[in-house]
């Protein structure tokens, strides 16, 4: 769906943002703050059922507004990341809904480790994609063609964004694709998105070795603090299981499952 395909006045564009326990709030709220200014945008925060969703901080609570069953065919689908993506990536009901919804989406997207959830659903097999810098090996293990040096990667109807703040860039790109560059720039001005950070360590290729080690240690710590999801500790521990599930799914999809000989 682009501006040339009829996104004019009065057109409703259904946008589904997946929520789940342990998600990173900015992965969803950053894109939301951009997308909500698009004309005709109907945004839903979706989960198994409506209700409160505890984010990865253990303090901030978001609300799922609609269930998967109530949201069968969004035009735009967005999966945020966070430590809770490990559990989301083995949630069979969520994965089944993603596969169904993707059949009719105009854009299927992810932010940060939300790409691992898309990969677990089989939507990134052999496709170029990106995710948080620490999760690039996991993305590769799940069958995607990981692109660690790219902030946004588009392949057909699927677009993935790097870690956390890249979700804002993704949303601006989406608005430009669907509603036109002027509307995207209007949204950018409304939220005054004019990054001028005091430091230049926002990509692993720019950060010093000391900063990389500190960031890795902080996100990979294994001790779960009170009210905290342990950052990427749980996600890292889940990668082998996710990789096995992904490998078995890909083999089955190729019809190479061994069968008992006929007797």
Protein backbone atom coordinates (compact mmCIF):
# COMPACT_ATOMS: atom_id res chain seq x y z
CA UNK A 1 0.00 0.00 0.00
CA UNK A 2 1.41 3.32 -1.08
CA UNK A 3 -0.02 6.76 -1.57
CA UNK A 4 -0.56 5.90 -5.23
CA UNK A 5 -2.66 2.90 -4.22
CA UNK A 6 -5.38 4.88 -2.58
CA UNK A 7 -4.28 6.06 0.86
CA UNK A 8 -6.19 9.26 0.50
CA UNK A 9 -8.64 11.01 2.83
CA UNK A 10 -11.10 8.61 4.44
CA UNK A 11 -8.91 5.53 3.96
CA UNK A 12 -8.42 3.43 7.08
CA UNK A 13 -5.06 1.76 7.54
CA UNK A 14 -5.15 -0.92 10.23
CA UNK A 15 -1.91 -1.14 12.18
CA UNK A 16 -1.26 -3.95 14.66
CA UNK A 17 1.58 -3.58 17.16
CA UNK A 18 2.26 -6.80 19.02
CA UNK A 19 2.66 -6.54 22.80
CA UNK A 20 4.01 -9.24 25.09
CA UNK A 21 5.49 -9.53 28.59
CA UNK A 22 9.11 -8.45 28.72
CA UNK A 23 8.97 -6.30 25.60
CA UNK A 24 10.99 -3.08 25.39
CA UNK A 25 8.57 -0.17 25.54
CA UNK A 26 10.36 2.17 23.13
CA UNK A 27 10.37 -0.52 20.42
CA UNK A 28 6.59 -0.09 20.24
CA UNK A 29 5.99 3.41 21.57
CA UNK A 30 8.57 5.08 19.30
CA UNK A 31 6.84 3.82 16.13
CA UNK A 32 3.43 4.47 17.68
CA UNK A 33 4.20 8.14 18.21
CA UNK A 34 5.03 8.45 14.51
CA UNK A 35 2.30 6.25 13.06
CA UNK A 36 -0.54 7.75 15.09
CA UNK A 37 -0.28 11.02 13.18
CA UNK A 38 -0.83 9.32 9.83
CA UNK A 39 -4.29 10.08 8.39
CA UNK A 40 -6.66 7.15 8.76
CA UNK A 41 -4.33 5.14 10.99
CA UNK A 42 -6.20 2.71 13.24
CA UNK A 43 -3.65 1.40 15.74
CA UNK A 44 -4.17 -1.65 17.92
CA UNK A 45 -1.86 -3.12 20.53
CA UNK A 46 -2.51 -6.84 20.22
CA UNK A 47 -1.92 -9.90 22.38
CA UNK A 48 -3.78 -13.11 23.23
CA UNK A 49 -6.35 -10.99 25.01
CA UNK A 50 -6.73 -7.34 26.00
CA UNK A 51 -5.12 -6.40 29.28
CA UNK A 52 -2.00 -5.07 31.00
CA UNK A 53 1.44 -6.01 29.68
CA UNK A 54 4.50 -5.63 31.89
CA UNK A 55 7.50 -4.36 29.94
CA UNK A 56 11.12 -5.40 30.47
CA UNK A 57 11.75 -2.77 33.13
CA UNK A 58 9.36 -4.45 35.52
CA UNK A 59 7.93 -0.99 36.24
CA UNK A 60 6.24 0.32 33.09
CA UNK A 61 2.97 -1.34 32.09
CA UNK A 62 1.39 -1.04 28.64
CA UNK A 63 -2.06 -2.16 27.62
CA UNK A 64 -3.05 -4.61 24.91
CA UNK A 65 -6.22 -3.17 23.40
CA UNK A 66 -7.27 -6.08 21.18
CA UNK A 67 -6.81 -9.81 20.83
CA UNK A 68 -5.30 -11.69 17.91
CA UNK A 69 -8.74 -13.03 17.00
CA UNK A 70 -10.11 -9.48 16.86
CA UNK A 71 -7.29 -8.43 14.52
CA UNK A 72 -7.09 -10.96 11.69
CA UNK A 73 -5.95 -8.77 8.80
CA UNK A 74 -3.92 -5.64 9.59
CA UNK A 75 -2.36 -3.75 6.70
CA UNK A 76 0.74 -3.00 8.79
CA UNK A 77 2.11 -5.42 11.37
CA UNK A 78 4.90 -4.51 13.78
CA UNK A 79 6.67 -6.79 16.26
CA UNK A 80 8.80 -5.04 18.89
CA UNK A 81 11.76 -6.62 20.65
CA UNK A 82 12.98 -7.05 24.19
CA UNK A 83 14.13 -9.82 26.52
CA UNK A 84 10.62 -11.26 26.41
CA UNK A 85 11.05 -12.03 22.72
CA UNK A 86 12.57 -15.38 23.75
CA UNK A 87 9.24 -16.51 25.17
CA UNK A 88 7.33 -14.86 22.32
CA UNK A 89 9.41 -16.80 19.80
CA UNK A 90 8.12 -20.12 21.18
CA UNK A 91 4.53 -18.97 21.62
CA UNK A 92 2.82 -21.15 19.03
CA UNK A 93 -0.43 -19.17 19.06
CA UNK A 94 1.44 -15.92 18.40
CA UNK A 95 3.54 -17.50 15.64
CA UNK A 96 0.46 -18.95 13.97
CA UNK A 97 -1.27 -15.55 14.06
CA UNK A 98 1.82 -13.87 12.57
CA UNK A 99 1.85 -16.35 9.70
CA UNK A 100 -1.86 -15.83 9.03
CA UNK A 101 -1.71 -12.06 9.29
CA UNK A 102 1.37 -11.85 7.07
CA UNK A 103 -0.55 -13.45 4.21
CA UNK A 104 -2.54 -10.22 3.81
CA UNK A 105 -0.31 -7.48 5.19
CA UNK A 106 1.06 -4.71 3.06
CA UNK A 107 4.04 -4.39 5.41
CA UNK A 108 5.24 -6.86 8.03
CA UNK A 109 7.88 -5.24 10.23
CA UNK A 110 9.95 -5.66 13.35
CA UNK A 111 12.11 -3.63 15.69
CA UNK A 112 15.14 -4.96 17.55
CA UNK A 113 14.74 -8.62 18.59
CA UNK A 114 11.22 -8.64 17.22
CA UNK A 115 13.03 -9.98 14.15
CA UNK A 116 13.72 -13.19 16.07
CA UNK A 117 9.98 -13.64 16.53
CA UNK A 118 9.40 -13.17 12.80
CA UNK A 119 12.20 -15.63 12.13
CA UNK A 120 10.69 -18.17 14.53
CA UNK A 121 7.44 -17.88 12.58
CA UNK A 122 9.33 -18.80 9.42
CA UNK A 123 8.92 -15.39 7.81
CA UNK A 124 12.64 -14.60 7.48
CA UNK A 125 13.98 -17.88 6.08
CA UNK A 126 16.83 -16.92 3.74
CA UNK A 127 15.79 -13.26 3.81
CA UNK A 128 18.08 -10.32 4.60
CA UNK A 129 17.14 -8.83 7.97
CA UNK A 130 18.54 -6.97 10.93
CA UNK A 131 18.06 -6.82 14.67
CA UNK A 132 19.83 -5.58 17.82
CA UNK A 133 23.59 -5.89 17.45
CA UNK A 134 23.85 -8.46 20.25
CA UNK A 135 21.18 -10.64 18.64
CA UNK A 136 22.68 -10.80 15.13
CA UNK A 137 24.14 -14.33 15.68
CA UNK A 138 20.77 -15.53 16.95
CA UNK A 139 19.04 -14.08 13.90
CA UNK A 140 21.49 -15.92 11.66
CA UNK A 141 20.94 -19.15 13.61
CA UNK A 142 17.21 -18.85 12.98
CA UNK A 143 17.70 -18.89 9.22
CA UNK A 144 17.83 -15.22 8.26
CA UNK A 145 20.56 -13.48 6.28
CA UNK A 146 21.69 -11.16 9.06
CA UNK A 147 22.77 -7.66 8.05
CA UNK A 148 24.46 -6.20 11.17
CA UNK A 149 25.65 -3.01 9.45
CA UNK A 150 22.22 -1.91 8.24
CA UNK A 151 19.77 0.06 10.36
CA UNK A 152 16.71 -0.81 8.25
CA UNK A 153 16.50 -3.78 5.89
CA UNK A 154 13.67 -4.17 3.40
CA UNK A 155 13.00 -7.38 1.51
CA UNK A 156 9.71 -7.52 -0.33
CA UNK A 157 6.88 -6.84 2.11
CA UNK A 158 9.08 -7.42 5.16
CA UNK A 159 11.12 -4.66 6.75
CA UNK A 160 13.24 -5.09 9.87
CA UNK A 161 14.93 -2.44 11.99
CA UNK A 162 17.94 -2.58 14.28
CA UNK A 163 17.81 -2.00 18.02
CA UNK A 164 15.24 0.04 19.93
CA UNK A 165 15.62 3.61 18.61
CA UNK A 166 15.70 2.35 15.02
CA UNK A 167 11.96 1.81 15.37
CA UNK A 168 11.40 5.55 14.98
CA UNK A 169 13.31 5.53 11.69
CA UNK A 170 11.32 2.49 10.58
CA UNK A 171 8.02 4.21 11.34
CA UNK A 172 9.02 7.36 9.46
CA UNK A 173 9.96 5.20 6.49
CA UNK A 174 6.61 3.39 6.68
CA UNK A 175 4.66 6.64 6.77
CA UNK A 176 6.62 7.87 3.77
CA UNK A 177 5.90 4.67 1.84
CA UNK A 178 2.19 4.57 2.68
CA UNK A 179 1.23 8.22 2.98
CA UNK A 180 3.98 10.09 1.18
CA UNK A 181 7.15 11.96 2.12
CA UNK A 182 5.34 15.13 3.18
CA UNK A 183 3.25 13.27 5.74
CA UNK A 184 6.36 11.53 7.06
CA UNK A 185 8.13 14.86 7.42
CA UNK A 186 5.06 16.31 9.11
CA UNK A 187 5.13 13.50 11.68
CA UNK A 188 8.86 14.00 12.14
CA UNK A 189 8.34 17.68 12.89
CA UNK A 190 5.42 17.02 15.23
CA UNK A 191 7.59 14.80 17.42
CA UNK A 192 10.62 17.06 16.76
CA UNK A 193 12.77 14.11 15.81
CA UNK A 194 16.07 15.84 15.12
CA UNK A 195 18.73 13.63 16.73
CA UNK A 196 21.84 15.44 17.89
CA UNK A 197 23.24 13.05 20.52
CA UNK A 198 26.08 14.24 22.74
CA UNK A 199 27.94 10.99 22.03
CA UNK A 200 28.58 8.95 18.91
CA UNK A 201 28.48 5.38 20.19
CA UNK A 202 25.09 4.40 18.83
CA UNK A 203 26.38 1.62 16.58
CA UNK A 204 28.69 -1.19 17.58
CA UNK A 205 31.08 -0.13 14.83
CA UNK A 206 31.45 3.32 16.40
CA UNK A 207 31.72 2.37 20.06
CA UNK A 208 35.07 1.86 21.76
CA UNK A 209 36.09 -1.60 22.93
CA UNK A 210 35.51 -0.57 26.55
CA UNK A 211 31.98 0.62 25.77
CA UNK A 212 31.20 -2.55 23.81
CA UNK A 213 32.37 -4.72 26.69
CA UNK A 214 30.40 -2.68 29.21
CA UNK A 215 27.23 -2.82 27.10
CA UNK A 216 27.61 -6.55 26.52
CA UNK A 217 28.17 -7.24 30.21
CA UNK A 218 25.21 -5.11 31.24
CA UNK A 219 22.81 -6.79 28.82
CA UNK A 220 24.11 -10.30 29.26
CA UNK A 221 24.17 -10.37 33.06
CA UNK A 222 22.71 -13.56 34.43
CA UNK A 223 21.52 -12.30 37.79
CA UNK A 224 17.90 -11.27 37.55
CA UNK A 225 17.38 -8.19 39.65
CA UNK A 226 14.07 -7.69 41.48
CA UNK A 227 11.45 -6.57 39.00
CA UNK A 228 13.83 -7.04 36.07
CA UNK A 229 13.73 -9.57 33.24
CA UNK A 230 17.50 -10.06 33.24
CA UNK A 231 18.02 -8.16 30.00
CA UNK A 232 19.32 -10.53 27.31
CA UNK A 233 20.22 -13.37 29.69
CA UNK A 234 16.97 -15.23 29.08
CA UNK A 235 17.07 -14.50 25.37
CA UNK A 236 20.63 -15.84 25.08
CA UNK A 237 19.71 -18.98 26.98
CA UNK A 238 16.77 -19.60 24.65
CA UNK A 239 18.75 -19.31 21.39
CA UNK A 240 19.74 -23.01 21.14
CA UNK A 241 16.12 -24.10 21.57
CA UNK A 242 14.95 -21.55 19.03
CA UNK A 243 17.64 -22.63 16.56
CA UNK A 244 16.58 -26.28 16.86
CA UNK A 245 12.93 -25.42 16.36
CA UNK A 246 13.81 -23.28 13.35
CA UNK A 247 16.01 -25.96 11.79
CA UNK A 248 13.37 -28.66 12.22
CA UNK A 249 10.69 -26.39 10.78
CA UNK A 250 12.81 -25.63 7.72
CA UNK A 251 13.53 -29.32 7.12
CA UNK A 252 9.85 -30.19 7.42
CA UNK A 253 8.99 -27.39 5.01
CA UNK A 254 11.28 -28.96 2.43
CA UNK A 255 9.49 -32.29 2.81
CA UNK A 256 12.59 -34.07 4.07
CA UNK A 257 11.12 -35.54 7.25
CA UNK A 258 12.01 -39.22 7.50
CA UNK A 259 9.03 -41.54 7.41
CA UNK A 260 8.67 -45.10 8.65
CA UNK A 261 9.07 -47.54 5.74
CA UNK A 262 5.89 -49.24 4.60
CA UNK A 263 5.48 -52.80 5.84
